[in-house]
Protein backbone atom coordinates (compact mmCIF):
# COMPACT_ATOMS: atom_id res chain seq x y z
CA MET A 1 82.09 157.98 133.36
CA ALA A 2 85.38 159.92 133.49
CA ARG A 3 85.80 163.48 134.80
CA GLY A 4 84.43 166.25 132.61
CA GLY A 5 81.73 163.97 131.24
CA LYS A 6 84.10 162.12 128.92
CA LYS A 7 83.58 158.39 128.38
CA GLU A 8 86.33 155.98 129.30
CA LYS A 9 88.03 154.41 126.31
CA LEU A 10 87.64 150.64 126.43
CA PRO A 11 90.72 148.59 125.57
CA THR A 12 90.65 147.39 121.96
CA ARG A 13 90.47 143.69 121.41
CA ARG A 14 93.33 142.20 119.41
CA TRP A 15 92.32 140.52 116.16
CA ASP A 16 93.11 136.80 116.22
CA GLY A 17 94.32 135.98 112.73
CA SER A 18 95.09 132.39 113.77
CA GLY A 19 91.39 131.66 113.38
CA LEU A 20 91.86 131.82 109.61
CA PHE A 21 93.90 128.64 109.96
CA VAL A 22 92.28 126.92 112.93
CA VAL A 23 88.62 127.11 111.88
CA PRO A 24 89.02 125.91 108.26
CA GLY A 25 91.52 123.32 109.47
CA LEU A 26 89.05 121.91 111.98
CA VAL A 27 86.32 121.79 109.34
CA LEU A 28 88.48 120.03 106.72
CA VAL A 29 89.81 117.51 109.25
CA ALA A 30 86.30 116.73 110.49
CA LEU A 31 84.97 116.30 106.95
CA GLY A 32 87.96 114.15 105.98
CA GLU A 33 87.51 111.86 108.98
CA ALA A 34 83.81 111.54 108.21
CA GLY A 35 84.48 110.80 104.55
CA ALA A 36 86.87 107.99 105.46
CA ARG A 37 84.36 106.38 107.83
CA LEU A 38 81.04 106.72 106.00
CA ASP A 39 80.29 104.53 103.00
CA PRO A 40 80.23 106.76 99.88
CA THR A 41 77.18 104.79 98.76
CA TRP A 42 75.27 106.65 101.47
CA ILE A 43 76.88 110.11 101.45
CA PRO A 44 78.98 110.37 98.28
CA TRP A 45 79.77 114.09 98.54
CA LEU A 46 81.84 113.51 101.70
CA ALA A 47 84.33 111.14 100.06
CA PRO A 48 86.43 113.76 98.16
CA PHE A 49 87.28 115.51 101.43
CA GLY A 50 89.84 112.77 102.01
CA LEU A 51 91.91 114.53 99.34
CA THR A 52 92.01 117.76 101.37
CA TYR A 53 92.71 116.11 104.74
CA ALA A 54 96.44 116.88 104.67
CA TRP A 55 95.78 120.55 103.93
CA GLY A 56 93.29 120.74 106.79
CA TRP A 57 95.67 119.11 109.27
CA LEU A 58 98.52 121.39 108.19
CA MET A 59 96.34 124.49 108.53
CA LEU A 60 95.31 123.38 112.02
CA LEU A 61 98.94 122.81 113.01
CA LEU A 62 99.96 126.26 111.74
CA GLY A 63 97.08 127.83 113.64
CA VAL A 64 98.16 126.11 116.85
CA LEU A 65 101.75 127.29 116.42
CA TRP A 66 100.51 130.86 115.80
CA ARG A 67 98.47 130.80 119.01
CA LEU A 68 101.36 129.35 121.04
CA LEU A 69 103.71 132.06 119.79
CA SER A 70 101.02 134.66 120.61
CA PHE A 71 100.68 133.25 124.15
CA ARG A 72 97.00 132.40 123.66
CA TRP A 73 97.32 129.30 125.80
CA LEU A 74 93.64 128.62 126.44
CA LYS A 75 92.81 128.76 122.73
CA VAL A 76 95.14 125.88 121.84
CA VAL A 77 93.61 123.24 124.10
CA VAL A 78 90.91 122.02 121.70
CA PRO A 79 93.02 122.26 118.50
CA ILE A 80 95.92 120.37 120.12
CA ALA A 81 93.53 117.68 121.34
CA VAL A 82 92.24 117.31 117.76
CA LEU A 83 95.80 117.10 116.36
CA VAL A 84 96.72 114.38 118.86
CA ALA A 85 93.53 112.41 118.27
CA THR A 86 93.92 112.52 114.48
CA TRP A 87 97.67 111.79 114.31
CA PRO A 88 97.04 108.14 113.30
CA SER A 89 95.32 109.51 110.18
CA ALA A 90 97.91 112.21 109.53
CA SER A 91 100.74 109.68 109.79
CA LEU A 92 99.29 107.95 106.72
CA LEU A 93 99.87 111.17 104.79
CA CYS A 94 103.25 112.16 106.21
CA SER A 95 105.08 109.23 107.74
CA LEU A 96 107.71 109.39 110.46
CA GLY A 97 108.32 105.64 110.39
CA GLY A 98 111.84 104.48 109.74
CA GLY A 99 111.32 100.80 109.06
CA GLU A 100 111.14 97.84 111.40
CA GLU A 101 114.16 95.99 112.68
CA LEU A 102 114.51 92.47 111.27
CA LEU A 103 113.47 90.13 114.07
CA SER A 104 114.06 86.80 112.33
CA ASP A 105 116.98 85.27 110.49
CA ASP A 106 114.96 84.71 107.34
CA GLN A 107 116.13 86.47 104.21
CA SER A 108 114.06 89.52 103.29
CA TRP A 109 112.68 90.10 99.81
CA SER A 110 111.42 93.15 97.97
CA LEU A 111 108.41 94.06 95.89
CA LEU A 112 107.91 96.84 93.36
CA THR A 113 104.54 98.32 92.40
CA PHE A 114 104.33 100.64 89.40
CA ASN A 115 101.52 101.78 87.10
CA VAL A 116 103.43 102.01 83.80
CA ARG A 117 100.54 103.65 81.89
CA ARG A 118 100.64 101.18 78.99
CA LEU A 119 104.37 101.90 78.50
CA ASP A 120 103.43 105.30 77.07
CA GLU A 121 101.70 103.55 74.17
CA PHE A 122 99.85 106.70 73.15
CA ASP A 123 102.86 109.02 73.55
CA TRP A 124 101.54 110.94 76.55
CA LEU A 125 105.16 111.64 77.49
CA GLU A 126 107.95 111.07 74.94
CA GLY A 127 106.92 107.83 73.26
CA ASP A 128 109.95 105.77 72.18
CA GLN A 129 112.26 107.77 74.43
CA THR A 130 110.05 106.99 77.44
CA ARG A 131 110.03 103.28 76.54
CA ARG A 132 113.82 103.31 76.21
CA GLU A 133 114.15 104.95 79.62
CA LEU A 134 111.67 102.49 81.15
CA ALA A 135 113.68 99.55 79.80
CA SER A 136 116.86 101.06 81.21
CA TRP A 137 115.23 101.75 84.59
CA PHE A 138 113.91 98.19 84.83
CA ASN A 139 117.41 96.86 84.06
CA GLY A 140 118.56 98.54 87.26
CA CYS A 141 115.59 97.31 89.31
CA THR A 142 116.60 94.48 91.65
CA ASP A 143 113.24 93.86 93.37
CA ASP A 144 112.20 90.20 93.49
CA VAL A 145 108.55 90.79 92.58
CA TRP A 146 107.21 93.46 90.24
CA CYS A 147 103.51 94.33 90.39
CA LEU A 148 102.82 96.42 87.29
CA GLN A 149 99.51 97.99 86.33
CA GLU A 150 98.30 99.04 82.88
CA PHE A 151 100.91 96.71 81.41
CA PRO A 152 100.17 95.61 77.81
CA VAL A 153 99.89 91.92 76.99
CA ASN A 154 102.94 92.37 74.70
CA GLY A 155 104.71 94.63 77.22
CA ALA A 156 107.67 92.30 77.76
CA ASP A 157 108.40 92.25 74.02
CA VAL A 158 108.14 96.06 73.87
CA LEU A 159 110.61 96.45 76.73
CA ARG A 160 113.01 93.90 75.22
CA LYS A 161 112.95 95.87 71.97
CA TRP A 162 114.27 98.87 73.88
CA GLY A 163 116.94 96.98 75.76
CA TRP A 164 115.31 95.32 78.76
CA GLU A 165 117.12 92.18 79.88
CA ALA A 166 114.52 89.94 81.51
CA GLY A 167 117.02 87.34 82.72
CA GLN A 168 115.41 84.47 84.62
CA ARG A 169 112.28 86.39 85.52
CA GLU A 170 108.86 84.92 84.76
CA VAL A 171 106.40 87.33 83.14
CA LEU A 172 102.67 86.99 83.89
CA THR A 173 100.40 89.36 81.96
CA TRP A 174 96.70 90.17 81.78
CA PRO A 175 95.07 87.81 79.23
CA LYS A 176 94.03 90.53 76.78
CA GLY A 177 94.74 94.21 76.19
CA SER A 178 96.41 95.68 79.27
CA GLY A 179 96.01 95.20 82.99
CA PRO A 180 97.88 94.03 86.09
CA ALA A 181 101.03 92.04 85.36
CA LEU A 182 103.50 90.31 87.67
CA ILE A 183 107.17 89.73 86.89
CA THR A 184 109.21 87.71 89.36
CA SER A 185 112.32 85.65 89.95
CA PHE A 186 110.48 83.50 92.52
CA PRO A 187 108.77 80.19 91.66
CA VAL A 188 105.10 80.74 90.78
CA GLU A 189 102.69 78.26 92.40
CA ARG A 190 99.35 79.60 91.18
CA VAL A 191 97.92 82.45 89.08
CA SER A 192 94.38 83.84 88.86
CA SER A 193 93.35 86.98 86.96
CA TRP A 194 89.89 88.39 87.65
CA MET A 195 87.75 91.53 87.50
CA PHE A 196 85.54 92.90 90.23
CA GLY A 197 81.81 92.35 90.04
CA GLN A 198 81.27 96.12 89.81
CA GLY A 199 83.21 98.59 87.70
CA ALA A 200 86.38 98.04 85.70
CA GLY A 201 88.88 97.25 88.46
CA ARG A 202 91.24 94.31 87.91
CA VAL A 203 93.29 91.95 90.04
CA MET A 204 96.07 89.46 89.39
CA GLU A 205 96.28 87.01 92.28
CA VAL A 206 99.55 85.03 92.47
CA ASP A 207 100.94 82.50 94.95
CA LEU A 208 104.73 82.70 95.18
CA SER A 209 107.39 80.67 96.92
CA THR A 210 109.57 83.22 98.76
CA PRO A 211 112.54 82.78 101.13
CA GLY A 212 110.10 82.98 104.06
CA GLY A 213 107.56 80.55 102.61
CA ASN A 214 104.52 80.79 100.35
CA VAL A 215 102.91 84.22 99.93
CA ARG A 216 99.77 85.31 98.10
CA VAL A 217 100.20 88.60 96.23
CA PHE A 218 97.19 90.60 95.06
CA ASN A 219 98.26 92.98 92.28
CA VAL A 220 95.36 95.42 92.28
CA HIS A 221 94.15 98.21 90.02
CA LEU A 222 91.03 99.72 91.58
CA GLN A 223 88.46 101.79 89.71
CA SER A 224 89.87 104.73 87.74
CA LEU A 225 88.19 108.11 87.32
CA TYR A 226 88.19 108.00 83.50
CA MET A 227 88.45 111.77 83.27
CA SER A 228 88.96 113.24 79.80
CA GLN A 229 91.67 115.74 78.84
CA ALA A 230 88.95 118.41 78.94
CA ASP A 231 88.12 117.42 82.53
CA TYR A 232 91.77 117.70 83.59
CA ALA A 233 92.03 121.06 81.83
CA ALA A 234 88.94 122.24 83.69
CA VAL A 235 90.49 121.23 87.02
CA GLU A 236 93.68 123.17 86.22
CA GLU A 237 91.90 126.30 84.99
CA GLY A 238 88.97 126.21 87.41
CA PRO A 239 85.78 124.46 86.27
CA ASN A 240 82.57 126.27 85.51
CA ARG A 241 79.33 125.07 87.06
CA GLU A 242 78.59 122.36 84.50
CA GLU A 243 82.20 121.12 84.44
CA GLY A 244 82.26 121.07 88.23
CA LYS A 245 79.08 118.99 88.38
CA ARG A 246 80.49 116.50 85.87
CA ILE A 247 83.82 116.15 87.71
CA LEU A 248 82.07 115.73 91.07
CA SER A 249 79.83 113.07 89.49
CA LEU A 250 82.89 111.17 88.17
CA LEU A 251 84.59 111.40 91.57
CA THR A 252 81.64 110.17 93.61
CA ALA A 253 80.86 107.33 91.17
CA ALA A 254 84.47 106.12 91.38
CA TYR A 255 84.47 106.31 95.19
CA ARG A 256 81.32 104.18 95.34
CA LEU A 257 82.78 101.58 92.99
CA ARG A 258 86.10 101.39 94.85
CA ALA A 259 84.25 100.91 98.14
CA ALA A 260 82.38 97.93 96.64
CA GLN A 261 85.55 96.55 95.04
CA VAL A 262 87.46 96.65 98.32
CA LYS A 263 84.70 94.68 100.06
CA GLU A 264 85.06 91.96 97.41
CA LEU A 265 88.85 92.10 97.71
CA MET A 266 88.69 91.66 101.49
CA ASP A 267 86.61 88.50 101.04
CA ARG A 268 89.30 87.11 98.72
CA VAL A 269 92.07 88.09 101.15
CA LYS A 270 90.34 86.20 103.97
CA GLU A 271 90.34 83.04 101.83
CA SER A 272 94.13 83.00 101.50
CA PRO A 273 95.93 80.15 103.25
CA TRP A 274 99.18 82.14 102.99
CA PRO A 275 100.42 85.51 104.25
CA VAL A 276 99.06 88.29 102.03
CA VAL A 277 100.44 91.32 100.22
CA VAL A 278 98.02 93.71 98.51
CA ALA A 279 99.92 96.03 96.19
CA GLY A 280 99.06 98.25 93.26
CA ASP A 281 97.32 101.38 92.05
CA PHE A 282 94.43 102.02 94.43
CA ASN A 283 93.29 105.26 92.74
CA ASP A 284 92.42 106.33 96.26
CA GLY A 285 94.30 108.12 99.01
CA PRO A 286 94.92 106.72 102.51
CA MET A 287 92.06 108.85 103.92
CA SER A 288 89.36 107.09 101.93
CA PHE A 289 86.65 104.66 102.89
CA ALA A 290 88.18 101.96 100.66
CA LEU A 291 91.73 102.12 102.05
CA ARG A 292 90.53 102.53 105.62
CA ASN A 293 88.50 99.34 105.25
CA LEU A 294 91.54 97.47 103.97
CA ARG A 295 93.50 98.58 107.02
CA LYS A 296 90.61 97.65 109.32
CA SER A 297 90.65 94.14 107.86
CA GLY A 298 94.07 93.61 109.46
CA LEU A 299 96.39 94.89 106.75
CA LYS A 300 99.02 97.50 107.56
CA ASP A 301 100.33 100.19 105.24
CA THR A 302 104.07 99.76 104.60
CA PHE A 303 104.35 103.53 104.06
CA GLU A 304 103.31 104.22 107.64
CA GLN A 305 105.64 101.54 108.95
CA ALA A 306 108.79 102.14 106.94
CA SER A 307 108.93 105.51 105.17
CA TRP A 308 109.68 109.17 105.79
CA GLY A 309 107.87 112.20 104.42
CA MET A 310 104.92 112.51 102.04
CA GLY A 311 105.61 109.73 99.52
CA ALA A 312 103.38 111.18 96.80
CA THR A 313 103.00 108.79 93.86
CA HIS A 314 100.61 110.49 91.41
CA ILE A 315 102.07 112.96 88.93
CA GLY A 316 99.11 115.11 88.01
CA THR A 317 97.04 118.21 88.55
CA VAL A 318 96.54 117.68 92.29
CA PRO A 319 99.94 117.52 94.04
CA GLY A 320 100.87 115.25 96.94
CA LEU A 321 98.50 112.32 96.27
CA ARG A 322 99.69 108.90 97.41
CA ILE A 323 97.49 106.42 95.55
CA ASP A 324 100.00 103.59 94.97
CA GLY A 325 101.62 101.31 97.51
CA ALA A 326 101.43 98.08 99.45
CA LEU A 327 99.53 96.73 102.43
CA VAL A 328 100.61 93.56 104.23
CA ASP A 329 99.13 91.36 106.91
CA SER A 330 100.52 90.93 110.41
CA SER A 331 102.81 88.09 109.29
CA PHE A 332 105.15 90.62 107.69
CA GLN A 333 107.71 93.09 108.90
CA ALA A 334 108.05 96.17 106.71
CA LEU A 335 111.75 97.02 106.57
CA ARG A 336 111.74 99.70 103.89
CA HIS A 337 109.28 101.70 101.77
CA THR A 338 110.78 103.80 98.95
CA THR A 339 109.06 106.08 96.43
CA TYR A 340 111.23 106.77 93.39
CA SER A 341 111.37 110.28 91.92
CA VAL A 342 111.25 109.32 88.26
CA THR A 343 108.86 110.58 85.60
CA LEU A 344 108.26 107.58 83.33
CA SER A 345 104.49 107.48 83.75
CA ASP A 346 101.82 109.52 85.52
CA HIS A 347 102.64 107.40 88.59
CA ARG A 348 105.84 106.97 90.55
CA PRO A 349 107.17 103.48 91.34
CA VAL A 350 107.19 102.24 94.93
CA SER A 351 109.47 99.57 96.35
CA VAL A 352 109.03 97.81 99.70
CA GLU A 353 111.28 95.36 101.52
CA LEU A 354 109.52 92.68 103.53
CA ALA A 355 110.32 89.78 105.80
CA ILE A 356 108.15 87.13 107.41
CA ASP A 357 108.11 87.44 111.18
CA VAL A 358 108.40 83.83 112.37
CA GLN A 359 108.45 84.60 116.08
């Protein structure tokens, strides 16, 4: 009690605005890590949090920087520990890899993966103009192996009509309709096209003779969402309760199917007598149960090894999604991973340069 009966004025406590970043960031990172580790068959509602992982990690990083600049040293210990512990996950979303140095004298070779969206068959973009531009872009593409998804059975004829010069490349297409296709200048030893036991995912499995020896390439198109134009419009405008329930149902069903499809794919990968490349449209981000299981099986993401930045491949309502790419087994060195900034589909093409490590 101060003199004259007046109360002492207690010092006011400063408001810590950094908590608006740190707390939500911690929650989103925790949910994202859980969603990538727990089978969506058991807890399906966790799976979509893999899509918000990057935002959570970025919010946490900004909160830590705020606290450091505010000299709140003790309050950064836990958040920094979380950032360090989860960097292996974050590096799959924003890579700082610059490519591996070629260790062997063997010639490297390159692979392209690109969902061409049926060559704009239904004029989602500009129809004939898009097909003309695709033909022109492919004429400048020098990759040795092209893994294309949603490629029509008559796709080669369509591209030739608009000026594509196939040269000496062999064209392997899905037997009927559209699906994974492989176009290559390498000798083809074996081809097998098959669908997963669950869902509508498709795979073209091809053995190729490359400069480093035989390689088995899995050109994969995992389960799609099959969202309607109305669903996409609802996402953009903000869904009402019924629309939200429907979209969440589509998401969780697709996550469950992709998890089952990847388990079947891993069994096929283990049967390969040759080094393996799994490339294609995974319809899933790196922080998903399906892609995490592929990496756990011994495959490494070429993006993490040989790219810089975000590498987003999907052109759609949700920005920054990387759902296309390539994973390779330990026999390979990833020398380069490039995402092309072209709008010829709702996906961007990805090119990787590989070499067999013979040491």
